[in-house]
Amino acid sequence: MKKAILMLSDGTYFEGYSFGYIGETEGEIVFNTSMTGYQEIITDPSYCGQIVTMTYTQIGNYGVNFEDIESNRIFVEGFIVKEYFDFPSNWRSKKTLDEYLKEFKIVGIQGIDTRALVRHIRDKGAQPGVISSINLDLNYLKEKASKLKPMTGQNLVDKVTCEDSYEWDEGDWDIENGYKKVKDFKYFVVAYDFGIKKNILRLLTERGVKVKVISAKTHWKDVLDMNPDGVFLSNGPGDPAAVDYAIENVSNLVGKKPLFGICLGHQILGLALGCKTYKLKFGHHGGNQPIKNLATGRVHIAAENHGFAIMPESLPTDVKITHINLNDNTLEGIECKSRKFFSVQFHPESSPGPHDSRYLFDNFIKLMEENR
């Protein structure tokens, strides 16, 4: 086993062993509390620029398949686990996690005290760091980590958005046939790709929505020329305030077409309304976040992956808060019926995570139907 070192920007370091690609990588160190779903997590474009630590102790035990992916490649900058399991047992497995990481040259480290790392991030906050399995000199790594840029101010959407628009017709998955092709559509939605996950597209298509995915830089007038029934604002990585072109485009679409935003799309919508966003200490990453629906009083468990949030006090007077996170009372959802939009900070499409909040896709259908 080849040794590897994780060095944080504050000089804290952990010694472990390499798995995945032998090399060196850097990014913001965050932790994810999901017990399963590592394949969906590492292929989520929202993790671009970040090194993910899994809090569950054993990772890799069910391998990797070619269906449970959320994009066309791995987007995490690095991967941290307590124990990597190299002998997967699952009838759907096609290769090991180690092989998958090597395929995309993703550096991993295992065998460190992930509980201690998570507690450090929780107390000190998410921060940049370096994983290296080729240079173990602590002074070199400490100096390099100390010079890394924080996530605030980084526009990472440019790195993950599609270059060319495309249409999506893949629906839900079943054990007999895999993903099915949907042919009958009742609605047409244009989806801004800020780092969109495939399962979002599947859940829209499954509800009779023909989806056209467009680049994050597509001008708002071009969107209106397509005459969609609604516009979807996707999840994505980085600081929402740095994606100025997206904020401008969305500000010009508000009130013209029904809008539904998730995660970064929710934050960009908020900024387009004149709100302010701020960096959370260590963010919300995982599949077990308690979200309260203020309209019904019900609490559901949701998947989340974000490091920024909207300041509630900056909301316009006609915008209503619909959801809050019960762990820290941060704003998790907004709505304005007169201007035909709503958005949530969490991930109703899950993948991985609970299905509690998938009703929001039905709400989008209803909003489009009402505004036809």
Protein backbone atom coordinates (compact mmCIF):
# COMPACT_ATOMS: atom_id res chain seq x y z
CA MET A 1 0.00 0.00 0.00
CA LYS A 2 1.41 3.35 -1.07
CA LYS A 3 1.38 6.12 1.53
CA ALA A 4 -0.54 9.34 0.96
CA ILE A 5 -1.07 12.57 2.90
CA LEU A 6 -4.04 14.90 3.23
CA MET A 7 -3.00 18.46 4.14
CA LEU A 8 -5.52 21.16 5.05
CA SER A 9 -4.87 24.86 4.51
CA ASP A 10 -4.65 25.47 8.27
CA GLY A 11 -1.73 23.00 8.54
CA THR A 12 -3.71 20.06 9.90
CA TYR A 13 -2.71 16.86 8.14
CA PHE A 14 -3.62 13.17 8.05
CA GLU A 15 -1.49 10.24 6.96
CA GLY A 16 -3.08 7.37 5.08
CA TYR A 17 -2.78 5.21 2.00
CA SER A 18 -3.43 5.88 -1.64
CA PHE A 19 -6.23 4.39 -3.68
CA GLY A 20 -7.45 5.42 -7.09
CA TYR A 21 -5.00 7.43 -9.18
CA ILE A 22 -1.46 8.00 -7.94
CA GLY A 23 -0.89 11.74 -8.00
CA GLU A 24 -1.72 15.04 -6.34
CA THR A 25 -4.95 17.01 -6.22
CA GLU A 26 -6.48 20.03 -4.49
CA GLY A 27 -9.90 21.37 -3.63
CA GLU A 28 -12.25 22.38 -0.82
CA ILE A 29 -12.53 19.60 1.77
CA VAL A 30 -16.17 18.76 2.60
CA PHE A 31 -17.90 15.75 4.14
CA ASN A 32 -20.94 13.79 2.97
CA THR A 33 -23.12 11.92 5.47
CA SER A 34 -24.79 9.52 3.01
CA MET A 35 -24.39 5.85 3.88
CA THR A 36 -24.65 4.73 0.25
CA GLY A 37 -24.59 6.34 -3.17
CA TYR A 38 -20.89 7.08 -3.55
CA GLN A 39 -21.10 6.57 -7.31
CA GLU A 40 -23.85 9.18 -7.71
CA ILE A 41 -21.96 11.54 -5.37
CA ILE A 42 -18.64 11.47 -7.20
CA THR A 43 -20.36 12.00 -10.59
CA ASP A 44 -22.44 14.95 -9.36
CA PRO A 45 -21.12 18.09 -11.13
CA SER A 46 -22.01 20.11 -8.01
CA TYR A 47 -18.85 18.66 -6.42
CA CYS A 48 -16.52 20.21 -8.99
CA GLY A 49 -13.75 21.97 -7.06
CA GLN A 50 -14.25 19.85 -3.94
CA ILE A 51 -12.63 16.85 -2.28
CA VAL A 52 -15.34 14.71 -0.68
CA THR A 53 -14.98 12.85 2.60
CA MET A 54 -17.45 10.03 3.19
CA THR A 55 -18.52 9.70 6.83
CA TYR A 56 -19.71 6.11 6.38
CA THR A 57 -16.81 3.85 7.27
CA GLN A 58 -16.65 1.34 4.39
CA ILE A 59 -16.80 2.55 0.80
CA GLY A 60 -16.55 0.53 -2.41
CA ASN A 61 -18.27 -2.62 -1.18
CA TYR A 62 -20.86 -2.72 -3.99
CA GLY A 63 -18.57 -1.57 -6.78
CA VAL A 64 -19.49 0.58 -9.76
CA ASN A 65 -22.02 0.10 -12.56
CA PHE A 66 -22.82 2.08 -15.69
CA GLU A 67 -26.37 3.12 -14.72
CA ASP A 68 -26.02 4.84 -11.33
CA ILE A 69 -24.19 7.89 -12.59
CA GLU A 70 -25.33 11.51 -12.58
CA SER A 71 -23.15 12.83 -15.42
CA ASN A 72 -20.70 11.66 -18.05
CA ARG A 73 -17.67 11.59 -15.73
CA ILE A 74 -16.37 11.96 -12.16
CA PHE A 75 -16.40 15.58 -10.97
CA VAL A 76 -14.93 15.39 -7.46
CA GLU A 77 -11.33 16.58 -7.27
CA GLY A 78 -10.43 13.85 -4.78
CA PHE A 79 -11.99 11.21 -2.55
CA ILE A 80 -11.43 10.48 1.16
CA VAL A 81 -12.64 7.32 2.94
CA LYS A 82 -11.99 5.50 6.18
CA GLU A 83 -11.78 2.06 4.59
CA TYR A 84 -11.80 1.30 0.88
CA PHE A 85 -13.22 -2.15 0.09
CA ASP A 86 -11.59 -3.67 -3.00
CA PHE A 87 -13.75 -6.80 -3.34
CA PRO A 88 -17.25 -5.58 -4.28
CA SER A 89 -20.26 -7.86 -4.10
CA ASN A 90 -23.25 -6.76 -6.16
CA TRP A 91 -24.94 -8.30 -9.20
CA ARG A 92 -24.91 -4.94 -11.00
CA SER A 93 -21.21 -4.22 -10.38
CA LYS A 94 -19.03 -3.88 -13.48
CA LYS A 95 -15.78 -2.64 -11.96
CA THR A 96 -14.24 -1.60 -8.65
CA LEU A 97 -14.32 1.93 -7.32
CA ASP A 98 -10.52 1.95 -7.45
CA GLU A 99 -10.61 1.17 -11.17
CA TYR A 100 -13.24 3.84 -11.75
CA LEU A 101 -11.19 6.51 -9.98
CA LYS A 102 -8.08 5.54 -11.94
CA GLU A 103 -10.02 5.77 -15.20
CA PHE A 104 -10.70 9.47 -14.56
CA LYS A 105 -7.37 10.13 -12.76
CA ILE A 106 -9.01 10.91 -9.42
CA VAL A 107 -6.69 10.80 -6.40
CA GLY A 108 -8.02 9.10 -3.28
CA ILE A 109 -6.81 8.52 0.26
CA GLN A 110 -7.98 5.85 2.70
CA GLY A 111 -7.10 4.73 6.19
CA ILE A 112 -7.28 8.13 7.87
CA ASP A 113 -9.43 8.99 10.88
CA THR A 114 -12.38 10.42 8.97
CA ARG A 115 -14.29 11.07 12.21
CA ALA A 116 -11.49 13.36 13.40
CA LEU A 117 -11.40 15.07 9.99
CA VAL A 118 -15.16 15.65 10.00
CA ARG A 119 -15.07 17.06 13.52
CA HIS A 120 -12.26 19.40 12.48
CA ILE A 121 -14.21 20.65 9.46
CA ARG A 122 -17.33 21.02 11.60
CA ASP A 123 -15.43 23.11 14.18
CA LYS A 124 -13.09 25.08 11.89
CA GLY A 125 -15.14 25.16 8.71
CA ALA A 126 -14.69 23.77 5.21
CA GLN A 127 -11.31 24.74 3.81
CA PRO A 128 -9.03 23.99 0.86
CA GLY A 129 -6.65 21.08 1.03
CA VAL A 130 -4.28 18.83 -0.88
CA ILE A 131 -4.06 15.05 -1.26
CA SER A 132 -0.73 13.74 -2.47
CA SER A 133 0.60 10.25 -3.05
CA ILE A 134 3.67 11.42 -4.99
CA ASN A 135 5.17 14.06 -2.69
CA LEU A 136 4.97 13.42 1.05
CA ASP A 137 7.06 16.40 2.14
CA LEU A 138 4.98 18.09 4.84
CA ASN A 139 6.53 21.54 4.39
CA TYR A 140 5.84 21.49 0.66
CA LEU A 141 2.24 20.34 1.16
CA LYS A 142 1.60 22.85 3.93
CA GLU A 143 2.85 25.73 1.81
CA LYS A 144 0.81 24.60 -1.19
CA ALA A 145 -2.38 24.13 0.83
CA SER A 146 -1.99 27.53 2.51
CA LYS A 147 -2.01 29.28 -0.88
CA LEU A 148 -5.17 27.67 -2.23
CA LYS A 149 -8.13 29.91 -2.98
CA PRO A 150 -11.31 29.60 -0.88
CA MET A 151 -14.56 28.62 -2.58
CA THR A 152 -16.00 32.13 -2.16
CA GLY A 153 -15.72 34.04 -5.43
CA GLN A 154 -15.19 30.99 -7.65
CA ASN A 155 -17.32 30.55 -10.76
CA LEU A 156 -17.17 26.81 -11.39
CA VAL A 157 -20.25 26.66 -13.61
CA ASP A 158 -18.06 27.43 -16.61
CA LYS A 159 -16.23 24.12 -15.98
CA VAL A 160 -19.32 21.89 -15.88
CA THR A 161 -21.97 23.34 -18.20
CA CYS A 162 -22.64 21.73 -21.58
CA GLU A 163 -21.14 23.32 -24.68
CA ASP A 164 -24.03 22.41 -26.96
CA SER A 165 -27.71 22.09 -26.17
CA TYR A 166 -29.36 18.66 -26.28
CA GLU A 167 -32.76 17.05 -25.79
CA TRP A 168 -33.47 14.42 -23.14
CA ASP A 169 -35.90 11.52 -23.46
CA GLU A 170 -34.72 9.03 -20.81
CA GLY A 171 -37.25 8.19 -18.12
CA ASP A 172 -37.23 6.23 -14.89
CA TRP A 173 -35.40 2.95 -14.23
CA ASP A 174 -36.86 -0.47 -13.53
CA ILE A 175 -35.16 -3.72 -12.68
CA GLU A 176 -36.28 -5.53 -15.83
CA ASN A 177 -35.54 -3.01 -18.56
CA GLY A 178 -33.28 -0.34 -17.08
CA TYR A 179 -33.99 3.24 -18.18
CA LYS A 180 -36.91 3.57 -20.55
CA LYS A 181 -37.35 5.98 -23.45
CA VAL A 182 -40.28 8.39 -23.15
CA LYS A 183 -42.10 9.36 -26.35
CA ASP A 184 -45.27 11.15 -25.27
CA PHE A 185 -44.79 14.71 -24.06
CA LYS A 186 -47.31 17.26 -22.86
CA TYR A 187 -44.99 20.05 -21.74
CA PHE A 188 -41.77 21.63 -22.99
CA VAL A 189 -39.13 22.84 -20.54
CA VAL A 190 -35.81 24.56 -21.17
CA ALA A 191 -33.27 23.56 -18.51
CA TYR A 192 -30.26 25.73 -17.74
CA ASP A 193 -27.26 23.48 -17.16
CA PHE A 194 -25.30 24.88 -14.23
CA GLY A 195 -24.13 21.32 -13.50
CA ILE A 196 -27.35 19.39 -13.96
CA LYS A 197 -27.87 15.85 -12.62
CA LYS A 198 -29.35 13.18 -14.86
CA ASN A 199 -31.99 12.15 -12.36
CA ILE A 200 -33.53 15.62 -12.47
CA LEU A 201 -33.99 15.18 -16.20
CA ARG A 202 -35.41 11.68 -15.74
CA LEU A 203 -38.02 12.84 -13.25
CA LEU A 204 -39.12 15.69 -15.52
CA THR A 205 -39.32 13.41 -18.56
CA GLU A 206 -41.22 10.78 -16.60
CA ARG A 207 -43.94 13.41 -16.03
CA GLY A 208 -44.45 14.06 -19.74
CA VAL A 209 -41.95 16.90 -20.05
CA LYS A 210 -39.84 17.28 -23.15
CA VAL A 211 -36.58 18.79 -21.88
CA LYS A 212 -34.03 20.78 -23.81
CA VAL A 213 -30.83 21.28 -21.84
CA ILE A 214 -28.97 24.49 -22.67
CA SER A 215 -25.64 26.05 -21.74
CA ALA A 216 -25.52 28.21 -18.63
CA LYS A 217 -24.54 31.15 -20.85
CA THR A 218 -27.60 31.00 -23.11
CA HIS A 219 -29.16 34.46 -23.38
CA TRP A 220 -32.61 34.90 -21.87
CA LYS A 221 -34.03 36.17 -25.17
CA ASP A 222 -32.99 32.93 -26.86
CA VAL A 223 -34.85 31.04 -24.14
CA LEU A 224 -38.03 33.03 -24.74
CA ASP A 225 -37.70 32.45 -28.48
CA MET A 226 -37.98 28.70 -27.77
CA ASN A 227 -41.36 29.42 -26.14
CA PRO A 228 -41.14 26.80 -23.37
CA ASP A 229 -43.92 26.07 -20.90
CA GLY A 230 -41.36 26.52 -18.14
CA VAL A 231 -37.69 27.10 -17.37
CA PHE A 232 -35.67 24.94 -15.00
CA LEU A 233 -32.62 26.23 -13.11
CA SER A 234 -30.29 23.38 -12.20
CA ASN A 235 -27.93 22.55 -9.40
CA GLY A 236 -24.22 23.28 -9.80
CA PRO A 237 -20.90 24.05 -8.08
CA GLY A 238 -19.16 27.10 -6.69
CA ASP A 239 -20.22 30.54 -5.52
CA PRO A 240 -23.56 31.61 -7.05
CA ALA A 241 -22.65 35.29 -6.78
CA ALA A 242 -19.75 34.71 -9.18
CA VAL A 243 -22.03 33.51 -12.00
CA ASP A 244 -23.03 37.02 -13.04
CA TYR A 245 -24.30 36.16 -16.51
CA ALA A 246 -26.72 33.58 -15.08
CA ILE A 247 -28.06 36.06 -12.53
CA GLU A 248 -28.73 38.58 -15.29
CA ASN A 249 -30.46 36.04 -17.53
CA VAL A 250 -32.70 34.73 -14.75
CA SER A 251 -33.62 38.25 -13.63
CA ASN A 252 -35.00 38.85 -17.13
CA LEU A 253 -36.97 35.60 -17.13
CA VAL A 254 -38.73 36.16 -13.78
CA GLY A 255 -42.42 36.74 -14.35
CA LYS A 256 -42.26 35.79 -18.03
CA LYS A 257 -42.20 31.99 -17.71
CA PRO A 258 -42.80 29.58 -14.81
CA LEU A 259 -39.46 28.92 -13.07
CA PHE A 260 -38.31 26.04 -10.87
CA GLY A 261 -34.84 26.08 -9.32
CA ILE A 262 -32.83 23.53 -7.34
CA CYS A 263 -29.71 24.19 -5.24
CA LEU A 264 -27.43 26.58 -7.20
CA GLY A 265 -30.42 27.41 -9.40
CA HIS A 266 -32.30 28.36 -6.23
CA GLN A 267 -29.44 30.62 -5.14
CA ILE A 268 -29.11 32.23 -8.58
CA LEU A 269 -32.85 32.90 -8.60
CA GLY A 270 -32.51 34.55 -5.21
CA LEU A 271 -29.67 36.76 -6.44
CA ALA A 272 -31.71 37.63 -9.54
CA LEU A 273 -34.45 38.86 -7.19
CA GLY A 274 -31.97 41.14 -5.42
CA CYS A 275 -31.21 38.84 -2.48
CA LYS A 276 -27.81 38.21 -0.95
CA THR A 277 -26.07 34.87 -0.42
CA TYR A 278 -23.47 33.85 2.14
CA LYS A 279 -21.02 31.00 2.69
CA LEU A 280 -22.04 28.37 5.21
CA LYS A 281 -19.43 27.22 7.71
CA PHE A 282 -19.27 23.66 6.40
CA GLY A 283 -22.34 23.36 4.21
CA HIS A 284 -24.93 20.61 3.94
CA HIS A 285 -23.82 17.45 2.14
CA GLY A 286 -25.66 14.15 2.52
CA GLY A 287 -28.95 12.33 2.32
CA ASN A 288 -30.38 12.91 5.79
CA GLN A 289 -31.25 16.60 6.15
CA PRO A 290 -34.56 17.40 7.93
CA ILE A 291 -36.58 19.90 5.91
CA LYS A 292 -39.79 21.50 7.17
CA ASN A 293 -42.52 22.47 4.73
CA LEU A 294 -43.94 25.64 6.31
CA ALA A 295 -47.22 25.38 4.39
CA THR A 296 -48.10 21.91 5.69
CA GLY A 297 -45.97 21.66 8.82
CA ARG A 298 -44.66 18.30 7.61
CA VAL A 299 -41.00 17.37 7.90
CA HIS A 300 -39.32 15.30 5.23
CA ILE A 301 -35.78 14.03 4.90
CA ALA A 302 -33.87 15.32 1.89
CA ALA A 303 -30.57 15.05 0.08
CA GLU A 304 -28.45 18.19 0.03
CA ASN A 305 -25.18 19.38 -1.44
CA HIS A 306 -24.41 23.06 -1.03
CA GLY A 307 -22.03 25.46 0.68
CA PHE A 308 -23.95 28.72 0.19
CA ALA A 309 -27.40 29.93 1.22
CA ILE A 310 -29.77 32.86 0.69
CA MET A 311 -30.07 35.46 3.45
CA PRO A 312 -33.76 35.41 4.50
CA GLU A 313 -33.75 39.08 5.47
CA SER A 314 -32.81 40.05 1.90
CA LEU A 315 -35.93 38.54 0.31
CA PRO A 316 -38.39 40.87 -1.48
CA THR A 317 -41.66 41.38 0.38
CA ASP A 318 -43.69 39.43 -2.19
CA VAL A 319 -41.50 36.30 -1.89
CA LYS A 320 -42.54 33.71 0.68
CA ILE A 321 -40.26 31.28 2.51
CA THR A 322 -41.63 27.77 1.97
CA HIS A 323 -39.02 25.48 3.58
CA ILE A 324 -36.38 25.63 6.31
CA ASN A 325 -33.64 23.28 7.45
CA LEU A 326 -34.35 22.11 11.00
CA ASN A 327 -30.68 21.52 11.79
CA ASP A 328 -29.73 25.19 11.55
CA ASN A 329 -32.91 27.01 10.40
CA THR A 330 -31.34 28.07 7.11
CA LEU A 331 -33.64 29.04 4.25
CA GLU A 332 -34.46 26.04 2.04
CA GLY A 333 -37.25 27.18 -0.26
CA ILE A 334 -38.98 30.26 -1.70
CA GLU A 335 -42.09 30.95 -3.77
CA CYS A 336 -43.91 33.79 -5.48
CA LYS A 337 -47.17 32.85 -7.16
CA SER A 338 -47.70 36.23 -8.80
CA ARG A 339 -44.30 36.00 -10.52
CA LYS A 340 -44.66 32.28 -11.27
CA PHE A 341 -41.62 30.78 -9.59
CA PHE A 342 -40.48 28.56 -6.75
CA SER A 343 -37.17 27.03 -5.80
CA VAL A 344 -35.58 24.84 -3.15
CA GLN A 345 -32.10 24.52 -1.72
CA PHE A 346 -32.28 20.75 -1.28
CA HIS A 347 -32.38 17.99 -3.94
CA PRO A 348 -35.87 16.53 -4.48
CA GLU A 349 -34.49 14.25 -7.21
CA SER A 350 -32.28 12.56 -4.56
CA SER A 351 -29.98 10.05 -6.31
CA PRO A 352 -28.77 9.25 -3.78
CA GLY A 353 -31.22 9.97 -0.99
CA PRO A 354 -34.86 9.82 0.12
CA HIS A 355 -37.77 10.36 -2.27
CA ASP A 356 -39.82 12.40 0.21
CA SER A 357 -39.80 15.66 -1.76
CA ARG A 358 -40.38 14.48 -5.32
CA TYR A 359 -43.82 16.11 -5.13
CA LEU A 360 -42.03 19.33 -6.13
CA PHE A 361 -41.74 18.09 -9.71
CA ASP A 362 -45.52 17.65 -9.69
CA ASN A 363 -45.83 21.21 -8.38
CA PHE A 364 -43.80 22.41 -11.37
CA ILE A 365 -46.18 20.61 -13.72
CA LYS A 366 -49.13 22.26 -11.99
CA LEU A 367 -47.48 25.69 -12.23
CA MET A 368 -46.93 25.29 -15.95
CA GLU A 369 -50.49 24.06 -16.46
CA GLU A 370 -51.89 27.08 -14.62
CA ASN A 371 -49.86 29.50 -16.73
CA ARG A 372 -50.45 28.09 -20.20
